[in-house]
Amino acid sequence: MSSLFYRRSRCAIIEISIFEGRSVGFKRLLIKLLFQCMEQEVGIALQDVEIVIFETQKYNHGVWDDVVMG
């Protein structure tokens, strides 16, 4: 089996929801730092980590300040 698709029992899938507008560079740095943290601090091998970033428009969220302060 290819190591690309092999996951051991200790794996992590990280899903991040952010508002649109972040640069590609910011998102790449975030992913890089999360991979480093998962390996160094948590002890999960890089091939056992999957990170997905979902972007959405601000008008698709009800944030308390926006609702109250308008």
Protein backbone atom coordinates (compact mmCIF):
# COMPACT_ATOMS: atom_id res chain seq x y z
CA MET A 1 0.00 0.00 0.00
CA SER A 2 1.30 3.46 -0.86
CA SER A 3 2.44 5.47 2.16
CA LEU A 4 0.67 8.47 0.62
CA PHE A 5 -2.73 6.97 1.47
CA TYR A 6 -1.79 4.88 4.50
CA ARG A 7 -2.97 6.16 7.87
CA ARG A 8 -1.99 4.56 11.12
CA SER A 9 -4.38 4.38 14.06
CA ARG A 10 -3.01 7.66 15.42
CA CYS A 11 -4.06 10.27 12.89
CA ALA A 12 -5.64 13.71 12.91
CA ILE A 13 -7.91 15.56 10.52
CA ILE A 14 -7.94 19.29 11.23
CA GLU A 15 -10.69 21.41 9.69
CA ILE A 16 -10.39 25.18 9.98
CA SER A 17 -13.18 27.61 9.13
CA ILE A 18 -12.04 31.17 8.37
CA PHE A 19 -13.50 34.28 6.82
CA GLU A 20 -12.43 34.98 3.25
CA GLY A 21 -9.63 37.41 2.50
CA ARG A 22 -6.58 35.68 3.96
CA SER A 23 -3.66 35.50 1.55
CA VAL A 24 -2.41 32.23 0.12
CA GLY A 25 0.87 32.90 1.93
CA PHE A 26 -0.93 33.18 5.28
CA LYS A 27 -2.81 29.91 4.72
CA ARG A 28 0.37 28.09 3.67
CA LEU A 29 2.19 29.35 6.76
CA LEU A 30 -0.71 28.30 8.99
CA ILE A 31 -0.69 24.80 7.49
CA LYS A 32 3.11 24.54 7.80
CA LEU A 33 3.02 25.59 11.47
CA LEU A 34 0.19 23.17 12.26
CA PHE A 35 2.11 20.30 10.65
CA GLN A 36 5.20 21.22 12.69
CA CYS A 37 3.19 21.44 15.90
CA MET A 38 1.44 18.13 15.32
CA GLU A 39 4.77 16.39 14.77
CA GLN A 40 6.87 18.10 17.45
CA GLU A 41 4.36 18.77 20.22
CA VAL A 42 1.75 16.05 19.73
CA GLY A 43 3.96 13.36 18.23
CA ILE A 44 1.80 12.53 15.21
CA ALA A 45 3.74 11.78 12.01
CA LEU A 46 3.23 14.19 9.12
CA GLN A 47 1.72 11.50 6.89
CA ASP A 48 -0.96 10.99 9.54
CA VAL A 49 -2.16 14.61 9.50
CA GLU A 50 -4.67 16.14 7.10
CA ILE A 51 -5.50 19.85 7.22
CA VAL A 52 -8.42 21.46 5.38
CA ILE A 53 -9.23 25.17 5.36
CA PHE A 54 -12.78 26.25 4.56
CA GLU A 55 -13.31 29.90 3.62
CA THR A 56 -16.63 31.66 3.82
CA GLN A 57 -17.96 35.18 3.36
CA LYS A 58 -18.61 37.17 6.53
CA TYR A 59 -22.26 37.65 5.60
CA ASN A 60 -22.78 33.89 5.94
CA HIS A 61 -22.11 34.07 9.70
CA GLY A 62 -24.01 35.55 12.58
CA VAL A 63 -21.31 37.01 14.82
CA TRP A 64 -22.66 38.47 18.04
CA ASP A 65 -21.07 41.93 17.63
CA ASP A 66 -22.35 42.21 14.06
CA VAL A 67 -25.88 41.29 15.09
CA VAL A 68 -26.02 43.60 18.11
CA MET A 69 -23.95 46.51 16.81
CA GLY A 70 -25.24 46.20 13.27
